[in-house]
Amino acid sequence: MKRAYPTSASAKRHPSQERKLPHHGVYVRLAPSRTHGVGVVAIQKIRKGSSIFPDDTEKINWVRNLDIGRLPREIRRLYDDFAVIKNGGRTYGCPKSFNRLTPAWFLNEPKPGGKANVGCRGDYTFYALRDIRPGEELTVDYPTYSEAP
């Protein structure tokens, strides 16, 4: 029979200890970029080797350039600005819907002469190349996972 009252152990726990809150596992937020428009900035220390977007598990949707080549310019810019480009520009990787852009899609490249602080694995997951301080913009070298448009 299920108890209708809390046990002494559960009564002592704070509600946030019983379930995962929306900020758990969040290391970054979107913010104005010193490099390019909008960027990704650390809101807490990120240790070297850490996965930066641990809950961003949506699969990349691969689209043929032939299917998007004649789209209106502003819609086509979504692919140029946010997609991973492969196969000599014949294939674009993007979210299932551009309405589902997560912070990972807003990573910028470092300023010329600067060094990226984020790396990309073969499965398109991002990790810290070094310790990253709160307030620091996260940057990645695009050619490590995407071709030029």
Protein backbone atom coordinates (compact mmCIF):
# COMPACT_ATOMS: atom_id res chain seq x y z
CA MET A 1 0.00 0.00 0.00
CA LYS A 2 1.34 3.44 -0.95
CA ARG A 3 1.70 5.95 1.87
CA ALA A 4 -0.31 9.14 1.61
CA TYR A 5 2.22 11.03 3.75
CA PRO A 6 5.95 11.65 3.24
CA THR A 7 8.49 9.50 5.01
CA SER A 8 10.92 11.26 7.32
CA ALA A 9 13.71 10.94 4.71
CA SER A 10 11.71 12.47 1.85
CA ALA A 11 10.28 15.19 4.08
CA LYS A 12 13.81 16.47 4.78
CA ARG A 13 14.83 16.71 1.11
CA HIS A 14 14.45 19.98 -0.71
CA PRO A 15 12.22 19.64 -3.83
CA SER A 16 15.18 20.56 -6.09
CA GLN A 17 17.03 17.45 -4.85
CA GLU A 18 14.23 15.16 -6.02
CA ARG A 19 14.16 16.17 -9.66
CA LYS A 20 16.40 17.71 -12.27
CA LEU A 21 15.78 21.42 -12.66
CA PRO A 22 16.09 23.20 -16.04
CA HIS A 23 19.45 24.77 -15.14
CA HIS A 24 21.17 21.46 -14.26
CA GLY A 25 23.87 20.67 -16.82
CA VAL A 26 23.70 24.18 -18.31
CA TYR A 27 27.09 25.84 -18.65
CA VAL A 28 26.36 28.61 -21.16
CA ARG A 29 23.89 31.18 -22.39
CA LEU A 30 23.48 33.26 -25.53
CA ALA A 31 24.88 36.79 -25.31
CA PRO A 32 26.17 39.59 -27.54
CA SER A 33 29.44 38.45 -29.09
CA ARG A 34 32.66 40.41 -29.34
CA THR A 35 33.38 38.37 -32.45
CA HIS A 36 30.15 38.16 -34.44
CA GLY A 37 26.60 39.21 -33.51
CA VAL A 38 25.31 36.63 -31.02
CA GLY A 39 27.58 34.13 -29.33
CA VAL A 40 27.82 31.60 -26.53
CA VAL A 41 29.18 32.70 -23.14
CA ALA A 42 30.04 30.56 -20.11
CA ILE A 43 27.86 31.16 -17.04
CA GLN A 44 29.98 28.91 -14.83
CA LYS A 45 33.43 27.35 -14.98
CA ILE A 46 33.73 24.64 -17.62
CA ARG A 47 36.54 22.19 -16.98
CA LYS A 48 38.86 21.01 -19.75
CA GLY A 49 37.40 17.95 -21.49
CA SER A 50 33.83 18.58 -20.28
CA SER A 51 30.93 18.09 -22.66
CA ILE A 52 29.49 21.60 -23.03
CA PHE A 53 25.97 20.71 -24.18
CA PRO A 54 25.29 17.37 -22.44
CA ASP A 55 21.52 17.43 -23.02
CA ASP A 56 21.69 18.52 -26.67
CA THR A 57 21.09 15.08 -28.16
CA GLU A 58 18.92 15.90 -31.17
CA LYS A 59 20.21 14.25 -34.33
CA ILE A 60 21.42 16.43 -37.17
CA ASN A 61 19.04 16.55 -40.14
CA TRP A 62 21.00 16.24 -43.42
CA VAL A 63 19.56 18.17 -46.38
CA ARG A 64 20.71 18.19 -50.00
CA ASN A 65 21.77 21.53 -51.45
CA LEU A 66 19.51 20.73 -54.42
CA ASP A 67 16.50 20.94 -52.06
CA ILE A 68 17.38 24.41 -50.76
CA GLY A 69 19.12 26.08 -53.69
CA ARG A 70 16.08 28.03 -54.92
CA LEU A 71 14.68 29.11 -51.56
CA PRO A 72 14.12 32.83 -50.89
CA ARG A 73 17.33 34.58 -49.79
CA GLU A 74 16.36 35.07 -46.11
CA ILE A 75 15.38 31.43 -45.71
CA ARG A 76 18.54 30.28 -47.50
CA ARG A 77 20.57 32.41 -45.04
CA LEU A 78 19.41 30.10 -42.22
CA TYR A 79 21.34 27.28 -43.89
CA ASP A 80 24.36 29.47 -44.65
CA ASP A 81 24.50 30.88 -41.11
CA PHE A 82 23.72 27.79 -39.04
CA ALA A 83 24.25 24.56 -41.00
CA VAL A 84 27.19 22.17 -40.96
CA ILE A 85 28.38 21.90 -44.56
CA LYS A 86 29.73 18.65 -46.03
CA ASN A 87 30.45 16.95 -49.35
CA GLY A 88 31.76 20.03 -51.14
CA GLY A 89 28.65 22.04 -50.25
CA ARG A 90 26.23 19.39 -51.51
CA THR A 91 24.95 18.49 -48.01
CA TYR A 92 23.83 20.72 -45.14
CA GLY A 93 23.37 19.51 -41.58
CA CYS A 94 20.86 21.42 -39.48
CA PRO A 95 18.28 20.90 -36.73
CA LYS A 96 14.96 19.26 -37.61
CA SER A 97 13.52 22.80 -37.55
CA PHE A 98 15.39 26.09 -37.28
CA ASN A 99 12.94 26.90 -34.48
CA ARG A 100 14.91 24.31 -32.47
CA LEU A 101 18.30 26.06 -32.59
CA THR A 102 20.16 25.39 -29.34
CA PRO A 103 23.16 27.41 -28.07
CA ALA A 104 25.52 24.99 -29.84
CA TRP A 105 24.37 26.39 -33.19
CA PHE A 106 25.54 29.87 -32.11
CA LEU A 107 29.20 29.04 -31.49
CA ASN A 108 31.44 31.51 -33.30
CA GLU A 109 34.99 31.19 -34.58
CA PRO A 110 37.72 32.99 -32.62
CA LYS A 111 38.92 36.41 -33.76
CA PRO A 112 41.74 36.28 -36.33
CA GLY A 113 44.88 35.12 -34.55
CA GLY A 114 42.81 33.87 -31.60
CA LYS A 115 42.63 30.30 -30.37
CA ALA A 116 39.44 28.25 -30.04
CA ASN A 117 38.52 27.03 -26.56
CA VAL A 118 36.02 24.43 -27.80
CA GLY A 119 36.59 21.28 -29.84
CA CYS A 120 34.15 19.13 -31.79
CA ARG A 121 34.06 15.33 -31.75
CA GLY A 122 33.17 13.19 -34.77
CA ASP A 123 29.59 12.88 -33.50
CA TYR A 124 29.24 16.69 -33.43
CA THR A 125 29.37 16.99 -29.66
CA PHE A 126 31.38 19.90 -28.30
CA TYR A 127 33.88 19.81 -25.44
CA ALA A 128 36.18 22.26 -23.65
CA LEU A 129 39.75 22.28 -24.99
CA ARG A 130 40.86 24.01 -21.80
CA ASP A 131 39.27 25.38 -18.63
CA ILE A 132 36.81 28.13 -19.57
CA ARG A 133 35.99 30.93 -17.12
CA PRO A 134 32.51 32.38 -16.47
CA GLY A 135 31.88 35.32 -18.81
CA GLU A 136 34.25 34.00 -21.47
CA GLU A 137 32.91 33.54 -25.00
CA LEU A 138 33.15 30.02 -26.36
CA THR A 139 34.67 29.69 -29.82
CA VAL A 140 35.37 26.76 -32.14
CA ASP A 141 37.35 26.32 -35.37
CA TYR A 142 34.65 25.65 -37.98
CA PRO A 143 36.95 23.69 -40.34
CA THR A 144 37.28 20.98 -37.66
CA TYR A 145 33.72 19.88 -38.43
CA SER A 146 32.30 21.92 -41.34
CA GLU A 147 33.39 23.03 -44.79
CA ALA A 148 33.26 26.66 -45.93
CA PRO A 149 29.95 27.75 -47.55
